[in-house]
């Protein structure tokens, strides 16, 4: 006698030969692949994290190209060092997202928040922060601030906020998922 263990997975079979009390469970290669595909499927929040990571890298790169186009000779050493650290952190966070590392969502929240704050302080506020400022507000002509500079500075802030929010949503989903799994197992007191 042959019965399906799971009607939705027709290649997961259980055989019970006549006269034997033991059951033989057969899993074909397809059952392993379908389970892997189901297990490896990304959640909506996981996909949102990946999309926002790609958007952040694209906008961050174009903003960096704009910096090179405008010139770096007027930037303070502090801004250059912080920009380098920021680039490394973005690269690390995006690598964690691509690798689907368990720390990716937390890294997205931290890096996205730092980037949004940093871009706002550096470019979108007046020169209130001394060596941390490369303000686009009333920038002298020598800084070559264009409409594209403004556009990509604002898009950088938006992309960084979206990255942080996507990370927070993924962390919330994981927390709810683990709480649901815990409640299904029951609590031992």
C-alpha atoms as a PDB file:
ATOM      1  CA  UNK A   1       0.000   0.000   0.000  1.00  0.00           C
ATOM      2  CA  UNK A   2       1.302   3.439  -0.923  1.00  0.00           C
ATOM      3  CA  UNK A   3       0.009   6.628   0.672  1.00  0.00           C
ATOM      4  CA  UNK A   4       0.893  10.251   0.294  1.00  0.00           C
ATOM      5  CA  UNK A   5       2.297  11.771   3.464  1.00  0.00           C
ATOM      6  CA  UNK A   6       1.542  15.288   2.344  1.00  0.00           C
ATOM      7  CA  UNK A   7      -0.942  15.818  -0.504  1.00  0.00           C
ATOM      8  CA  UNK A   8       0.739  19.103  -1.400  1.00  0.00           C
ATOM      9  CA  UNK A   9       4.071  17.340  -1.877  1.00  0.00           C
ATOM     10  CA  UNK A  10       3.166  14.339  -4.074  1.00  0.00           C
ATOM     11  CA  UNK A  11       6.738  13.052  -4.185  1.00  0.00           C
ATOM     12  CA  UNK A  12       6.871  12.386  -0.416  1.00  0.00           C
ATOM     13  CA  UNK A  13       5.552   8.817  -0.130  1.00  0.00           C
ATOM     14  CA  UNK A  14       5.076   6.201   2.526  1.00  0.00           C
ATOM     15  CA  UNK A  15       5.168   2.549   1.568  1.00  0.00           C
ATOM     16  CA  UNK A  16       3.744  -0.274   3.646  1.00  0.00           C
ATOM     17  CA  UNK A  17       4.431  -3.574   1.964  1.00  0.00           C
ATOM     18  CA  UNK A  18       1.731  -6.230   2.538  1.00  0.00           C
ATOM     19  CA  UNK A  19       2.468  -8.390   5.562  1.00  0.00           C
ATOM     20  CA  UNK A  20       4.961  -5.996   7.161  1.00  0.00           C
ATOM     21  CA  UNK A  21       4.207  -3.831  10.144  1.00  0.00           C
ATOM     22  CA  UNK A  22       6.938  -1.297   9.423  1.00  0.00           C
ATOM     23  CA  UNK A  23       6.524   1.622   7.130  1.00  0.00           C
ATOM     24  CA  UNK A  24       9.083   2.765   4.630  1.00  0.00           C
ATOM     25  CA  UNK A  25       9.201   6.476   4.004  1.00  0.00           C
ATOM     26  CA  UNK A  26      10.501   7.523   0.612  1.00  0.00           C
ATOM     27  CA  UNK A  27      11.602  11.012  -0.164  1.00  0.00           C
ATOM     28  CA  UNK A  28      12.565  11.643  -3.688  1.00  0.00           C
ATOM     29  CA  UNK A  29      15.069  14.255  -4.729  1.00  0.00           C
ATOM     30  CA  UNK A  30      12.181  16.529  -5.631  1.00  0.00           C
ATOM     31  CA  UNK A  31      10.864  16.539  -2.077  1.00  0.00           C
ATOM     32  CA  UNK A  32      14.228  17.771  -0.817  1.00  0.00           C
ATOM     33  CA  UNK A  33      14.346  20.475  -3.477  1.00  0.00           C
ATOM     34  CA  UNK A  34      10.838  21.683  -2.771  1.00  0.00           C
ATOM     35  CA  UNK A  35      11.542  21.873   0.950  1.00  0.00           C
ATOM     36  CA  UNK A  36      14.771  23.748   0.271  1.00  0.00           C
ATOM     37  CA  UNK A  37      12.910  26.167  -1.985  1.00  0.00           C
ATOM     38  CA  UNK A  38      10.259  26.721   0.684  1.00  0.00           C
ATOM     39  CA  UNK A  39      12.899  27.151   3.401  1.00  0.00           C
ATOM     40  CA  UNK A  40      15.071  29.412   1.253  1.00  0.00           C
ATOM     41  CA  UNK A  41      12.199  31.597   0.121  1.00  0.00           C
ATOM     42  CA  UNK A  42      12.605  35.112   1.388  1.00  0.00           C
ATOM     43  CA  UNK A  43       9.878  36.843   3.330  1.00  0.00           C
ATOM     44  CA  UNK A  44       8.454  40.133   2.060  1.00  0.00           C
ATOM     45  CA  UNK A  45      10.413  42.029   4.698  1.00  0.00           C
ATOM     46  CA  UNK A  46      13.580  40.155   3.729  1.00  0.00           C
ATOM     47  CA  UNK A  47      13.051  41.125   0.074  1.00  0.00           C
ATOM     48  CA  UNK A  48      12.387  44.723   1.104  1.00  0.00           C
ATOM     49  CA  UNK A  49      15.696  44.698   2.955  1.00  0.00           C
ATOM     50  CA  UNK A  50      17.476  43.464  -0.174  1.00  0.00           C
ATOM     51  CA  UNK A  51      15.780  46.045  -2.432  1.00  0.00           C
ATOM     52  CA  UNK A  52      16.556  48.928  -0.082  1.00  0.00           C
ATOM     53  CA  UNK A  53      20.158  47.734   0.217  1.00  0.00           C
ATOM     54  CA  UNK A  54      20.534  47.842  -3.566  1.00  0.00           C
ATOM     55  CA  UNK A  55      18.889  51.280  -3.697  1.00  0.00           C
ATOM     56  CA  UNK A  56      21.191  52.569  -0.953  1.00  0.00           C
ATOM     57  CA  UNK A  57      24.285  51.328  -2.765  1.00  0.00           C
ATOM     58  CA  UNK A  58      23.150  52.884  -6.056  1.00  0.00           C
ATOM     59  CA  UNK A  59      22.341  56.297  -4.565  1.00  0.00           C
ATOM     60  CA  UNK A  60      25.394  56.235  -2.272  1.00  0.00           C
ATOM     61  CA  UNK A  61      27.644  55.490  -5.264  1.00  0.00           C
ATOM     62  CA  UNK A  62      26.165  58.292  -7.364  1.00  0.00           C
ATOM     63  CA  UNK A  63      26.534  60.678  -4.414  1.00  0.00           C
ATOM     64  CA  UNK A  64      30.190  59.637  -4.158  1.00  0.00           C
ATOM     65  CA  UNK A  65      30.674  60.289  -7.869  1.00  0.00           C
ATOM     66  CA  UNK A  66      29.120  63.736  -7.348  1.00  0.00           C
ATOM     67  CA  UNK A  67      31.661  64.372  -4.562  1.00  0.00           C
ATOM     68  CA  UNK A  68      34.487  63.420  -6.900  1.00  0.00           C
ATOM     69  CA  UNK A  69      33.020  65.628  -9.642  1.00  0.00           C
ATOM     70  CA  UNK A  70      32.739  68.608  -7.271  1.00  0.00           C
ATOM     71  CA  UNK A  71      36.217  67.973  -5.889  1.00  0.00           C
ATOM     72  CA  UNK A  72      37.435  66.935  -2.471  1.00  0.00           C
ATOM     73  CA  UNK A  73      39.932  69.768  -1.909  1.00  0.00           C
ATOM     74  CA  UNK A  74      37.496  71.794   0.227  1.00  0.00           C
ATOM     75  CA  UNK A  75      36.433  68.877   2.463  1.00  0.00           C
ATOM     76  CA  UNK A  76      37.860  68.713   5.975  1.00  0.00           C
ATOM     77  CA  UNK A  77      39.996  65.739   6.968  1.00  0.00           C
ATOM     78  CA  UNK A  78      37.259  64.747   9.438  1.00  0.00           C
ATOM     79  CA  UNK A  79      34.651  64.555   6.661  1.00  0.00           C
ATOM     80  CA  UNK A  80      36.995  62.468   4.500  1.00  0.00           C
ATOM     81  CA  UNK A  81      37.668  60.024   7.344  1.00  0.00           C
ATOM     82  CA  UNK A  82      33.989  59.786   8.298  1.00  0.00           C
ATOM     83  CA  UNK A  83      33.041  59.330   4.622  1.00  0.00           C
ATOM     84  CA  UNK A  84      35.501  56.461   4.333  1.00  0.00           C
ATOM     85  CA  UNK A  85      34.157  54.819   7.497  1.00  0.00           C
ATOM     86  CA  UNK A  86      30.616  55.376   6.229  1.00  0.00           C
ATOM     87  CA  UNK A  87      31.477  53.677   2.924  1.00  0.00           C
ATOM     88  CA  UNK A  88      32.939  50.685   4.752  1.00  0.00           C
ATOM     89  CA  UNK A  89      29.864  50.402   6.990  1.00  0.00           C
ATOM     90  CA  UNK A  90      27.498  50.566   4.014  1.00  0.00           C
ATOM     91  CA  UNK A  91      29.558  47.879   2.261  1.00  0.00           C
ATOM     92  CA  UNK A  92      29.509  45.663   5.354  1.00  0.00           C
ATOM     93  CA  UNK A  93      25.767  46.082   5.934  1.00  0.00           C
ATOM     94  CA  UNK A  94      24.936  45.360   2.298  1.00  0.00           C
ATOM     95  CA  UNK A  95      27.241  42.306   2.289  1.00  0.00           C
ATOM     96  CA  UNK A  96      25.402  40.990   5.365  1.00  0.00           C
ATOM     97  CA  UNK A  97      22.060  41.527   3.615  1.00  0.00           C
ATOM     98  CA  UNK A  98      23.225  39.761   0.446  1.00  0.00           C
ATOM     99  CA  UNK A  99      24.581  36.852   2.491  1.00  0.00           C
ATOM    100  CA  UNK A 100      21.302  36.773   4.471  1.00  0.00           C
ATOM    101  CA  UNK A 101      23.287  36.894   7.658  1.00  0.00           C
ATOM    102  CA  UNK A 102      21.307  36.968  10.890  1.00  0.00           C
ATOM    103  CA  UNK A 103      22.881  40.339  11.771  1.00  0.00           C
ATOM    104  CA  UNK A 104      21.838  41.961   8.470  1.00  0.00           C
ATOM    105  CA  UNK A 105      18.621  43.536   9.768  1.00  0.00           C
ATOM    106  CA  UNK A 106      20.316  45.007  12.838  1.00  0.00           C
ATOM    107  CA  UNK A 107      23.159  46.326  10.672  1.00  0.00           C
ATOM    108  CA  UNK A 108      20.597  47.913   8.331  1.00  0.00           C
ATOM    109  CA  UNK A 109      18.947  49.745  11.230  1.00  0.00           C
ATOM    110  CA  UNK A 110      22.256  51.054  12.578  1.00  0.00           C
ATOM    111  CA  UNK A 111      23.894  51.923   9.240  1.00  0.00           C
ATOM    112  CA  UNK A 112      20.710  53.372   7.750  1.00  0.00           C
ATOM    113  CA  UNK A 113      20.139  55.578  10.796  1.00  0.00           C
ATOM    114  CA  UNK A 114      23.756  56.755  10.873  1.00  0.00           C
ATOM    115  CA  UNK A 115      23.721  57.502   7.147  1.00  0.00           C
ATOM    116  CA  UNK A 116      20.466  59.460   7.266  1.00  0.00           C
ATOM    117  CA  UNK A 117      21.751  61.500  10.200  1.00  0.00           C
ATOM    118  CA  UNK A 118      25.175  62.003   8.638  1.00  0.00           C
ATOM    119  CA  UNK A 119      23.891  63.148   5.250  1.00  0.00           C
ATOM    120  CA  UNK A 120      21.405  65.502   6.885  1.00  0.00           C
ATOM    121  CA  UNK A 121      24.031  67.082   9.153  1.00  0.00           C
ATOM    122  CA  UNK A 122      26.664  67.278   6.450  1.00  0.00           C
ATOM    123  CA  UNK A 123      24.655  68.535   3.455  1.00  0.00           C
ATOM    124  CA  UNK A 124      21.082  69.544   4.270  1.00  0.00           C
ATOM    125  CA  UNK A 125      21.545  71.743   7.349  1.00  0.00           C
ATOM    126  CA  UNK A 126      23.334  75.104   7.448  1.00  0.00           C
ATOM    127  CA  UNK A 127      27.014  75.256   8.430  1.00  0.00           C
ATOM    128  CA  UNK A 128      26.206  74.685  12.090  1.00  0.00           C
ATOM    129  CA  UNK A 129      28.610  71.838  12.655  1.00  0.00           C
ATOM    130  CA  UNK A 130      31.956  73.308  11.614  1.00  0.00           C
ATOM    131  CA  UNK A 131      34.258  70.643  10.179  1.00  0.00           C
ATOM    132  CA  UNK A 132      31.308  68.233   9.837  1.00  0.00           C
ATOM    133  CA  UNK A 133      29.498  70.559   7.431  1.00  0.00           C
ATOM    134  CA  UNK A 134      29.559  70.594   3.662  1.00  0.00           C
ATOM    135  CA  UNK A 135      26.270  72.435   3.540  1.00  0.00           C
ATOM    136  CA  UNK A 136      24.498  72.830   0.230  1.00  0.00           C
ATOM    137  CA  UNK A 137      22.572  75.786   1.661  1.00  0.00           C
ATOM    138  CA  UNK A 138      24.131  78.985   0.288  1.00  0.00           C
ATOM    139  CA  UNK A 139      27.165  76.999  -0.889  1.00  0.00           C
ATOM    140  CA  UNK A 140      29.813  79.143  -2.586  1.00  0.00           C
ATOM    141  CA  UNK A 141      30.209  78.638  -6.350  1.00  0.00           C
ATOM    142  CA  UNK A 142      33.625  77.024  -5.774  1.00  0.00           C
ATOM    143  CA  UNK A 143      31.855  74.000  -4.245  1.00  0.00           C
ATOM    144  CA  UNK A 144      30.041  73.289  -7.545  1.00  0.00           C
ATOM    145  CA  UNK A 145      26.785  72.274  -5.855  1.00  0.00           C
ATOM    146  CA  UNK A 146      24.263  71.454  -8.580  1.00  0.00           C
ATOM    147  CA  UNK A 147      20.669  70.307  -8.714  1.00  0.00           C
ATOM    148  CA  UNK A 148      22.035  66.766  -9.016  1.00  0.00           C
ATOM    149  CA  UNK A 149      24.028  67.274  -5.812  1.00  0.00           C
ATOM    150  CA  UNK A 150      20.838  68.253  -3.998  1.00  0.00           C
ATOM    151  CA  UNK A 151      18.827  65.455  -5.571  1.00  0.00           C
ATOM    152  CA  UNK A 152      21.258  62.714  -4.591  1.00  0.00           C
ATOM    153  CA  UNK A 153      21.855  64.110  -1.111  1.00  0.00           C
ATOM    154  CA  UNK A 154      18.103  64.002  -0.470  1.00  0.00           C
ATOM    155  CA  UNK A 155      17.806  60.562  -2.118  1.00  0.00           C
ATOM    156  CA  UNK A 156      20.667  59.365   0.090  1.00  0.00           C
ATOM    157  CA  UNK A 157      18.709  60.370   3.186  1.00  0.00           C
ATOM    158  CA  UNK A 158      15.534  58.739   1.853  1.00  0.00           C
ATOM    159  CA  UNK A 159      17.369  55.519   0.875  1.00  0.00           C
ATOM    160  CA  UNK A 160      19.110  55.364   4.261  1.00  0.00           C
ATOM    161  CA  UNK A 161      15.811  55.814   6.117  1.00  0.00           C
ATOM    162  CA  UNK A 162      14.173  53.142   3.927  1.00  0.00           C
ATOM    163  CA  UNK A 163      17.091  50.768   4.657  1.00  0.00           C
ATOM    164  CA  UNK A 164      16.769  51.365   8.409  1.00  0.00           C
ATOM    165  CA  UNK A 165      12.984  50.900   8.323  1.00  0.00           C
ATOM    166  CA  UNK A 166      13.307  47.684   6.273  1.00  0.00           C
ATOM    167  CA  UNK A 167      15.784  46.382   8.846  1.00  0.00           C
ATOM    168  CA  UNK A 168      13.435  47.286  11.701  1.00  0.00           C
ATOM    169  CA  UNK A 169      10.495  45.577   9.974  1.00  0.00           C
ATOM    170  CA  UNK A 170      12.579  42.423   9.451  1.00  0.00           C
ATOM    171  CA  UNK A 171      13.665  42.430  13.104  1.00  0.00           C
ATOM    172  CA  UNK A 172      10.019  42.805  14.175  1.00  0.00           C
ATOM    173  CA  UNK A 173       8.965  39.948  11.881  1.00  0.00           C
ATOM    174  CA  UNK A 174      11.654  37.700  13.330  1.00  0.00           C
ATOM    175  CA  UNK A 175      10.643  38.585  16.867  1.00  0.00           C
ATOM    176  CA  UNK A 176       6.995  37.774  16.125  1.00  0.00           C
ATOM    177  CA  UNK A 177       7.983  34.575  14.339  1.00  0.00           C
ATOM    178  CA  UNK A 178      10.096  33.362  17.253  1.00  0.00           C
ATOM    179  CA  UNK A 179       7.332  34.293  19.718  1.00  0.00           C
ATOM    180  CA  UNK A 180       4.817  32.325  17.635  1.00  0.00           C
ATOM    181  CA  UNK A 181       7.109  29.303  17.503  1.00  0.00           C
ATOM    182  CA  UNK A 182       7.664  29.518  21.248  1.00  0.00           C
ATOM    183  CA  UNK A 183       3.928  29.670  21.950  1.00  0.00           C
ATOM    184  CA  UNK A 184       3.306  26.653  19.680  1.00  0.00           C
ATOM    185  CA  UNK A 185       5.782  24.600  21.670  1.00  0.00           C
ATOM    186  CA  UNK A 186       4.145  25.599  24.899  1.00  0.00           C
ATOM    187  CA  UNK A 187       5.643  27.194  27.918  1.00  0.00           C
ATOM    188  CA  UNK A 188       7.285  25.197  30.634  1.00  0.00           C
ATOM    189  CA  UNK A 189       6.962  26.745  34.045  1.00  0.00           C
END
